[in-house]
N, C-alpha and C. Protein backbone atom coordinates (compact mmCIF):
# COMPACT_ATOMS: atom_id res chain seq x y z
N MET A 1 59.90 -17.14 -23.63
CA MET A 1 59.00 -17.98 -22.88
C MET A 1 57.75 -17.22 -22.49
N LYS A 2 56.66 -17.91 -22.58
CA LYS A 2 55.38 -17.30 -22.24
C LYS A 2 55.11 -17.45 -20.77
N ARG A 3 54.69 -16.34 -20.16
CA ARG A 3 54.39 -16.36 -18.74
C ARG A 3 52.97 -16.86 -18.51
N GLN A 4 52.76 -17.75 -17.56
CA GLN A 4 51.44 -18.31 -17.29
C GLN A 4 50.66 -17.35 -16.39
N GLN A 5 49.36 -17.13 -16.76
CA GLN A 5 48.52 -16.20 -16.02
C GLN A 5 47.77 -16.96 -14.93
N ASN A 6 47.84 -16.48 -13.71
CA ASN A 6 47.10 -17.04 -12.60
C ASN A 6 46.04 -16.03 -12.16
N GLY A 7 44.74 -16.39 -12.19
CA GLY A 7 43.68 -15.48 -11.74
C GLY A 7 43.06 -14.71 -12.88
N PHE A 8 42.33 -13.67 -12.51
CA PHE A 8 41.59 -12.87 -13.48
C PHE A 8 42.23 -11.50 -13.63
N THR A 9 42.01 -10.91 -14.79
CA THR A 9 42.49 -9.55 -15.01
C THR A 9 41.52 -8.58 -14.35
N PHE A 10 41.97 -7.38 -14.16
CA PHE A 10 41.16 -6.33 -13.55
C PHE A 10 39.91 -6.05 -14.39
N ILE A 11 40.02 -6.05 -15.68
CA ILE A 11 38.90 -5.82 -16.58
C ILE A 11 37.85 -6.92 -16.44
N GLU A 12 38.29 -8.14 -16.34
CA GLU A 12 37.34 -9.25 -16.16
C GLU A 12 36.57 -9.13 -14.86
N VAL A 13 37.25 -8.77 -13.81
CA VAL A 13 36.59 -8.59 -12.50
C VAL A 13 35.58 -7.45 -12.58
N LEU A 14 35.96 -6.32 -13.19
CA LEU A 14 35.04 -5.20 -13.35
C LEU A 14 33.81 -5.57 -14.18
N ALA A 15 34.00 -6.35 -15.21
CA ALA A 15 32.87 -6.78 -16.05
C ALA A 15 31.89 -7.63 -15.24
N VAL A 16 32.39 -8.56 -14.48
CA VAL A 16 31.52 -9.42 -13.65
C VAL A 16 30.80 -8.60 -12.59
N LEU A 17 31.49 -7.68 -11.93
CA LEU A 17 30.86 -6.84 -10.91
C LEU A 17 29.79 -5.94 -11.53
N SER A 18 30.02 -5.46 -12.73
CA SER A 18 29.03 -4.62 -13.41
C SER A 18 27.76 -5.42 -13.72
N ILE A 19 27.94 -6.63 -14.17
CA ILE A 19 26.79 -7.49 -14.47
C ILE A 19 26.00 -7.77 -13.19
N ILE A 20 26.69 -8.04 -12.11
CA ILE A 20 26.02 -8.31 -10.83
C ILE A 20 25.26 -7.06 -10.36
N ALA A 21 25.86 -5.89 -10.52
CA ALA A 21 25.21 -4.64 -10.09
C ALA A 21 23.95 -4.37 -10.90
N VAL A 22 24.01 -4.55 -12.20
CA VAL A 22 22.83 -4.34 -13.06
C VAL A 22 21.73 -5.32 -12.69
N ALA A 23 22.07 -6.55 -12.47
CA ALA A 23 21.08 -7.57 -12.09
C ALA A 23 20.43 -7.24 -10.75
N THR A 24 21.24 -6.75 -9.81
CA THR A 24 20.72 -6.40 -8.48
C THR A 24 19.75 -5.22 -8.59
N VAL A 25 20.14 -4.19 -9.30
CA VAL A 25 19.25 -3.02 -9.48
C VAL A 25 17.95 -3.44 -10.16
N GLY A 26 18.05 -4.27 -11.18
CA GLY A 26 16.84 -4.76 -11.86
C GLY A 26 15.94 -5.53 -10.92
N THR A 27 16.51 -6.36 -10.07
CA THR A 27 15.73 -7.13 -9.11
C THR A 27 15.05 -6.22 -8.10
N LEU A 28 15.75 -5.21 -7.62
CA LEU A 28 15.14 -4.27 -6.66
C LEU A 28 14.00 -3.48 -7.27
N VAL A 29 14.16 -3.06 -8.50
CA VAL A 29 13.09 -2.33 -9.19
C VAL A 29 11.88 -3.24 -9.36
N LEU A 30 12.10 -4.46 -9.76
CA LEU A 30 11.02 -5.42 -9.94
C LEU A 30 10.32 -5.70 -8.61
N ARG A 31 11.09 -5.82 -7.54
CA ARG A 31 10.50 -6.06 -6.22
C ARG A 31 9.62 -4.88 -5.78
N ASP A 32 10.11 -3.66 -5.99
CA ASP A 32 9.33 -2.47 -5.64
C ASP A 32 8.03 -2.40 -6.44
N TRP A 33 8.11 -2.72 -7.72
CA TRP A 33 6.94 -2.72 -8.57
C TRP A 33 5.92 -3.77 -8.09
N ALA A 34 6.39 -4.95 -7.74
CA ALA A 34 5.51 -6.03 -7.25
C ALA A 34 4.87 -5.65 -5.92
N MET A 35 5.63 -5.03 -5.03
CA MET A 35 5.08 -4.59 -3.73
C MET A 35 4.00 -3.52 -3.95
N ALA A 36 4.24 -2.57 -4.85
CA ALA A 36 3.26 -1.54 -5.13
C ALA A 36 1.99 -2.16 -5.70
N ASN A 37 2.13 -3.10 -6.62
CA ASN A 37 0.96 -3.78 -7.17
C ASN A 37 0.18 -4.51 -6.08
N SER A 38 0.90 -5.13 -5.18
CA SER A 38 0.26 -5.87 -4.09
C SER A 38 -0.53 -4.92 -3.18
N ARG A 39 0.06 -3.79 -2.83
CA ARG A 39 -0.65 -2.83 -1.96
C ARG A 39 -1.88 -2.26 -2.64
N VAL A 40 -1.78 -1.92 -3.91
CA VAL A 40 -2.93 -1.38 -4.63
C VAL A 40 -4.03 -2.44 -4.73
N SER A 41 -3.64 -3.67 -4.98
CA SER A 41 -4.61 -4.75 -5.07
C SER A 41 -5.32 -4.97 -3.72
N GLU A 42 -4.55 -4.94 -2.62
CA GLU A 42 -5.15 -5.08 -1.29
C GLU A 42 -6.11 -3.92 -1.00
N ALA A 43 -5.75 -2.72 -1.41
CA ALA A 43 -6.60 -1.56 -1.21
C ALA A 43 -7.89 -1.71 -1.99
N ARG A 44 -7.80 -2.20 -3.21
CA ARG A 44 -9.03 -2.43 -4.02
C ARG A 44 -9.92 -3.45 -3.35
N GLN A 45 -9.35 -4.51 -2.79
CA GLN A 45 -10.15 -5.51 -2.09
C GLN A 45 -10.83 -4.90 -0.87
N LEU A 46 -10.11 -4.07 -0.13
CA LEU A 46 -10.66 -3.40 1.04
C LEU A 46 -11.83 -2.49 0.64
N ILE A 47 -11.65 -1.72 -0.43
CA ILE A 47 -12.70 -0.82 -0.89
C ILE A 47 -13.91 -1.62 -1.34
N THR A 48 -13.70 -2.74 -2.02
CA THR A 48 -14.82 -3.61 -2.43
C THR A 48 -15.57 -4.14 -1.22
N THR A 49 -14.84 -4.53 -0.19
CA THR A 49 -15.48 -5.01 1.04
C THR A 49 -16.34 -3.91 1.66
N LEU A 50 -15.80 -2.69 1.70
CA LEU A 50 -16.56 -1.58 2.27
C LEU A 50 -17.77 -1.22 1.42
N GLN A 51 -17.64 -1.30 0.11
CA GLN A 51 -18.77 -1.04 -0.77
C GLN A 51 -19.88 -2.07 -0.54
N SER A 52 -19.50 -3.33 -0.43
CA SER A 52 -20.49 -4.38 -0.15
C SER A 52 -21.15 -4.14 1.19
N GLY A 53 -20.36 -3.77 2.18
CA GLY A 53 -20.91 -3.48 3.50
C GLY A 53 -21.87 -2.30 3.47
N ALA A 54 -21.53 -1.28 2.70
CA ALA A 54 -22.40 -0.10 2.59
C ALA A 54 -23.74 -0.48 1.96
N GLN A 55 -23.71 -1.37 0.99
CA GLN A 55 -24.96 -1.78 0.36
C GLN A 55 -25.83 -2.59 1.33
N LEU A 56 -25.20 -3.36 2.20
CA LEU A 56 -25.96 -4.11 3.23
C LEU A 56 -26.50 -3.16 4.30
N TRP A 57 -25.76 -2.12 4.60
CA TRP A 57 -26.15 -1.20 5.67
C TRP A 57 -27.24 -0.23 5.24
N ARG A 58 -27.23 0.15 3.97
CA ARG A 58 -28.11 1.21 3.46
C ARG A 58 -29.57 0.95 3.82
N PRO A 59 -30.20 1.92 4.45
CA PRO A 59 -31.62 1.78 4.76
C PRO A 59 -32.47 1.94 3.51
N ASN A 60 -33.76 1.65 3.63
CA ASN A 60 -34.68 1.74 2.49
C ASN A 60 -34.75 3.13 1.89
N THR A 61 -34.51 4.16 2.69
CA THR A 61 -34.57 5.54 2.20
C THR A 61 -33.40 5.87 1.29
N GLY A 62 -32.33 5.07 1.34
CA GLY A 62 -31.17 5.32 0.51
C GLY A 62 -30.25 6.40 1.06
N ILE A 63 -30.50 6.83 2.27
CA ILE A 63 -29.70 7.87 2.89
C ILE A 63 -28.67 7.21 3.82
N TYR A 64 -27.42 7.65 3.70
CA TYR A 64 -26.32 7.01 4.43
C TYR A 64 -25.93 7.71 5.73
N THR A 65 -26.78 8.57 6.25
CA THR A 65 -26.47 9.25 7.49
C THR A 65 -26.18 8.21 8.60
N GLY A 66 -25.06 8.39 9.27
CA GLY A 66 -24.70 7.49 10.37
C GLY A 66 -23.82 6.32 9.98
N ILE A 67 -23.51 6.17 8.70
CA ILE A 67 -22.66 5.04 8.29
C ILE A 67 -21.22 5.30 8.75
N ASN A 68 -20.61 4.29 9.31
CA ASN A 68 -19.20 4.36 9.70
C ASN A 68 -18.68 2.93 9.87
N MET A 69 -17.40 2.82 10.12
CA MET A 69 -16.77 1.51 10.24
C MET A 69 -17.37 0.69 11.39
N THR A 70 -17.63 1.33 12.51
CA THR A 70 -18.17 0.63 13.67
C THR A 70 -19.57 0.10 13.40
N GLU A 71 -20.42 0.92 12.77
CA GLU A 71 -21.77 0.47 12.43
C GLU A 71 -21.76 -0.71 11.47
N LEU A 72 -20.93 -0.63 10.44
CA LEU A 72 -20.85 -1.73 9.47
C LEU A 72 -20.39 -3.02 10.15
N SER A 73 -19.44 -2.89 11.05
CA SER A 73 -18.95 -4.05 11.78
C SER A 73 -20.01 -4.62 12.70
N SER A 74 -20.76 -3.74 13.36
CA SER A 74 -21.76 -4.20 14.34
C SER A 74 -22.89 -5.02 13.69
N ILE A 75 -23.18 -4.75 12.43
CA ILE A 75 -24.23 -5.53 11.76
C ILE A 75 -23.65 -6.69 10.94
N GLY A 76 -22.35 -6.88 11.00
CA GLY A 76 -21.70 -7.97 10.29
C GLY A 76 -21.51 -7.71 8.81
N ALA A 77 -21.59 -6.45 8.39
CA ALA A 77 -21.41 -6.12 6.98
C ALA A 77 -19.94 -6.10 6.57
N ILE A 78 -19.05 -5.89 7.53
CA ILE A 78 -17.60 -5.96 7.30
C ILE A 78 -17.00 -6.75 8.46
N PRO A 79 -15.81 -7.29 8.29
CA PRO A 79 -15.19 -8.06 9.37
C PRO A 79 -14.97 -7.21 10.63
N VAL A 80 -15.09 -7.82 11.76
CA VAL A 80 -14.91 -7.15 13.05
C VAL A 80 -13.51 -6.54 13.13
N SER A 81 -12.54 -7.16 12.50
CA SER A 81 -11.16 -6.67 12.55
C SER A 81 -11.02 -5.28 11.93
N LEU A 82 -11.97 -4.86 11.11
CA LEU A 82 -11.93 -3.54 10.49
C LEU A 82 -12.70 -2.48 11.26
N ALA A 83 -13.32 -2.86 12.37
CA ALA A 83 -14.27 -2.00 13.07
C ALA A 83 -13.74 -0.61 13.41
N ASP A 84 -12.51 -0.50 13.87
CA ASP A 84 -12.01 0.83 14.26
C ASP A 84 -11.38 1.56 13.08
N GLY A 85 -11.01 0.84 12.03
CA GLY A 85 -10.41 1.45 10.84
C GLY A 85 -9.01 1.98 11.03
N VAL A 86 -8.47 1.82 12.23
CA VAL A 86 -7.14 2.37 12.54
C VAL A 86 -6.06 1.42 12.01
N GLU A 87 -5.17 1.97 11.18
CA GLU A 87 -4.03 1.22 10.62
C GLU A 87 -4.48 -0.04 9.90
N LYS A 88 -5.59 0.04 9.13
CA LYS A 88 -6.11 -1.14 8.47
C LYS A 88 -5.85 -1.19 6.97
N ASN A 89 -5.34 -0.11 6.37
CA ASN A 89 -5.11 -0.20 4.93
C ASN A 89 -3.70 -0.78 4.67
N PRO A 90 -3.41 -1.15 3.44
CA PRO A 90 -2.14 -1.82 3.13
C PRO A 90 -0.88 -0.99 3.45
N TRP A 91 -1.02 0.31 3.59
CA TRP A 91 0.13 1.17 3.91
C TRP A 91 0.22 1.43 5.42
N GLY A 92 -0.68 0.82 6.20
CA GLY A 92 -0.67 0.99 7.64
C GLY A 92 -1.41 2.23 8.09
N GLY A 93 -2.19 2.83 7.22
CA GLY A 93 -2.96 4.03 7.57
C GLY A 93 -4.39 3.71 7.92
N ASN A 94 -5.12 4.74 8.27
CA ASN A 94 -6.52 4.59 8.67
C ASN A 94 -7.44 4.46 7.46
N VAL A 95 -8.57 3.80 7.69
CA VAL A 95 -9.62 3.66 6.68
C VAL A 95 -10.89 4.22 7.30
N THR A 96 -11.62 5.03 6.53
CA THR A 96 -12.90 5.55 7.04
C THR A 96 -13.96 5.44 5.96
N ILE A 97 -15.19 5.36 6.40
CA ILE A 97 -16.33 5.43 5.51
C ILE A 97 -17.35 6.32 6.19
N GLY A 98 -17.97 7.16 5.42
CA GLY A 98 -18.95 8.09 5.99
C GLY A 98 -19.84 8.65 4.91
N VAL A 99 -20.90 9.31 5.34
CA VAL A 99 -21.84 9.91 4.40
C VAL A 99 -21.20 11.11 3.72
N ASP A 100 -21.54 11.33 2.46
CA ASP A 100 -21.09 12.52 1.73
C ASP A 100 -22.02 13.67 2.15
N VAL A 101 -21.46 14.68 2.77
CA VAL A 101 -22.30 15.77 3.30
C VAL A 101 -23.00 16.56 2.21
N ALA A 102 -22.51 16.51 0.98
CA ALA A 102 -23.14 17.23 -0.13
C ALA A 102 -24.37 16.50 -0.64
N ASP A 103 -24.41 15.17 -0.50
CA ASP A 103 -25.54 14.36 -0.96
C ASP A 103 -25.63 13.14 -0.07
N LEU A 104 -26.68 13.06 0.73
CA LEU A 104 -26.81 11.99 1.72
C LEU A 104 -27.05 10.61 1.11
N THR A 105 -27.25 10.55 -0.21
CA THR A 105 -27.41 9.25 -0.87
C THR A 105 -26.06 8.72 -1.38
N ARG A 106 -24.99 9.38 -1.02
CA ARG A 106 -23.63 8.96 -1.38
C ARG A 106 -22.82 8.70 -0.11
N TYR A 107 -21.81 7.88 -0.25
CA TYR A 107 -20.88 7.64 0.86
C TYR A 107 -19.47 7.78 0.35
N THR A 108 -18.56 8.13 1.27
CA THR A 108 -17.16 8.39 0.94
C THR A 108 -16.27 7.41 1.69
N ILE A 109 -15.32 6.85 0.97
CA ILE A 109 -14.32 5.97 1.56
C ILE A 109 -12.96 6.66 1.43
N SER A 110 -12.22 6.71 2.53
CA SER A 110 -10.90 7.35 2.53
C SER A 110 -9.85 6.38 3.07
N LEU A 111 -8.70 6.39 2.43
CA LEU A 111 -7.52 5.63 2.87
C LEU A 111 -6.40 6.64 3.09
N GLU A 112 -5.83 6.64 4.29
CA GLU A 112 -4.80 7.60 4.64
C GLU A 112 -3.42 6.97 4.65
N SER A 113 -2.41 7.81 4.70
CA SER A 113 -1.00 7.42 4.85
C SER A 113 -0.47 6.63 3.66
N ILE A 114 -0.85 7.03 2.45
CA ILE A 114 -0.31 6.41 1.24
C ILE A 114 0.93 7.24 0.86
N PRO A 115 2.12 6.71 1.07
CA PRO A 115 3.32 7.51 0.86
C PRO A 115 3.70 7.72 -0.60
N SER A 116 3.19 6.87 -1.48
CA SER A 116 3.58 6.93 -2.88
C SER A 116 2.52 7.60 -3.73
N ALA A 117 2.88 8.70 -4.36
CA ALA A 117 1.93 9.41 -5.23
C ALA A 117 1.51 8.54 -6.41
N SER A 118 2.41 7.69 -6.88
CA SER A 118 2.05 6.83 -8.02
C SER A 118 1.00 5.78 -7.62
N GLU A 119 1.08 5.28 -6.41
CA GLU A 119 0.08 4.30 -5.95
C GLU A 119 -1.26 4.99 -5.73
N GLY A 120 -1.24 6.20 -5.18
CA GLY A 120 -2.46 6.98 -5.03
C GLY A 120 -3.11 7.29 -6.37
N ALA A 121 -2.28 7.65 -7.34
CA ALA A 121 -2.78 7.95 -8.69
C ALA A 121 -3.37 6.71 -9.34
N ARG A 122 -2.78 5.55 -9.08
CA ARG A 122 -3.34 4.30 -9.64
C ARG A 122 -4.70 4.00 -9.05
N LEU A 123 -4.88 4.28 -7.75
CA LEU A 123 -6.20 4.09 -7.15
C LEU A 123 -7.23 5.04 -7.77
N VAL A 124 -6.83 6.27 -7.96
CA VAL A 124 -7.73 7.25 -8.60
C VAL A 124 -8.14 6.75 -9.97
N LYS A 125 -7.17 6.28 -10.73
CA LYS A 125 -7.46 5.77 -12.08
C LYS A 125 -8.39 4.56 -12.04
N GLU A 126 -8.19 3.69 -11.04
CA GLU A 126 -9.02 2.49 -10.91
C GLU A 126 -10.49 2.81 -10.71
N TYR A 127 -10.76 3.89 -9.97
CA TYR A 127 -12.14 4.20 -9.58
C TYR A 127 -12.75 5.39 -10.32
N THR A 128 -12.04 5.93 -11.31
CA THR A 128 -12.56 7.07 -12.04
C THR A 128 -13.88 6.73 -12.75
N GLU A 129 -13.99 5.54 -13.29
CA GLU A 129 -15.20 5.14 -14.03
C GLU A 129 -16.35 4.75 -13.10
N THR A 130 -16.06 4.16 -11.95
CA THR A 130 -17.13 3.61 -11.13
C THR A 130 -17.56 4.50 -9.96
N ALA A 131 -16.72 5.42 -9.56
CA ALA A 131 -17.04 6.30 -8.42
C ALA A 131 -17.61 7.62 -8.92
N PHE A 132 -18.39 8.25 -8.06
CA PHE A 132 -18.92 9.58 -8.39
C PHE A 132 -17.76 10.58 -8.49
N SER A 133 -16.83 10.48 -7.55
CA SER A 133 -15.63 11.31 -7.60
C SER A 133 -14.49 10.59 -6.89
N THR A 134 -13.26 10.89 -7.32
CA THR A 134 -12.06 10.33 -6.69
C THR A 134 -11.02 11.43 -6.59
N SER A 135 -10.16 11.30 -5.59
CA SER A 135 -9.06 12.24 -5.48
C SER A 135 -7.93 11.62 -4.66
N PHE A 136 -6.74 12.15 -4.88
CA PHE A 136 -5.58 11.80 -4.07
C PHE A 136 -4.86 13.09 -3.78
N SER A 137 -4.85 13.44 -2.50
CA SER A 137 -4.25 14.71 -2.08
C SER A 137 -3.40 14.47 -0.86
N GLY A 138 -2.19 15.01 -0.88
CA GLY A 138 -1.27 14.76 0.25
C GLY A 138 -0.93 13.29 0.27
N ASN A 139 -1.47 12.58 1.23
CA ASN A 139 -1.28 11.14 1.29
C ASN A 139 -2.59 10.39 1.49
N THR A 140 -3.71 11.01 1.09
CA THR A 140 -5.03 10.45 1.31
C THR A 140 -5.79 10.25 0.00
N PHE A 141 -6.26 9.03 -0.20
CA PHE A 141 -7.12 8.69 -1.33
C PHE A 141 -8.56 8.77 -0.85
N THR A 142 -9.41 9.42 -1.62
CA THR A 142 -10.83 9.52 -1.28
C THR A 142 -11.66 9.21 -2.50
N ALA A 143 -12.67 8.38 -2.31
CA ALA A 143 -13.61 8.05 -3.39
C ALA A 143 -15.02 8.17 -2.85
N THR A 144 -15.87 8.83 -3.61
CA THR A 144 -17.29 8.99 -3.25
C THR A 144 -18.11 8.14 -4.21
N PHE A 145 -18.98 7.31 -3.64
CA PHE A 145 -19.80 6.40 -4.43
C PHE A 145 -21.27 6.74 -4.26
N GLN A 146 -22.01 6.58 -5.34
CA GLN A 146 -23.46 6.75 -5.29
C GLN A 146 -24.06 5.45 -4.76
N GLY A 147 -24.95 5.57 -3.79
CA GLY A 147 -25.54 4.41 -3.17
C GLY A 147 -26.49 3.65 -3.99
């Protein structure tokens, strides 16, 4: 007489659990990738806003002495919410803009507290063609633009 099987075998349970584990890991990796893309995209938008503000602020002489977040905000070149630059980037770090001390016709934008080297490297790659210089060191991205 054949015995009737009730339930699943151990192998069947292990196979199902393995499939669930692989799917979960794949979903987490995809989520992390999407979050990184989102933060880099937000940072690019922030840098574009600051670049536009710098062009509005620039005096006729083309010299950027005195440019900072507060000045840009006071003339309406950037949103008031960015005025202090504290914890304003997508990673919760500070944002600054200032004159390049080596050449007063250039300005530098810095984003601090970027914990991921890959996200910092992506920002460097994004601005290599358009910025005078770019760097990512420690946890700070810096780009210098010609006015």
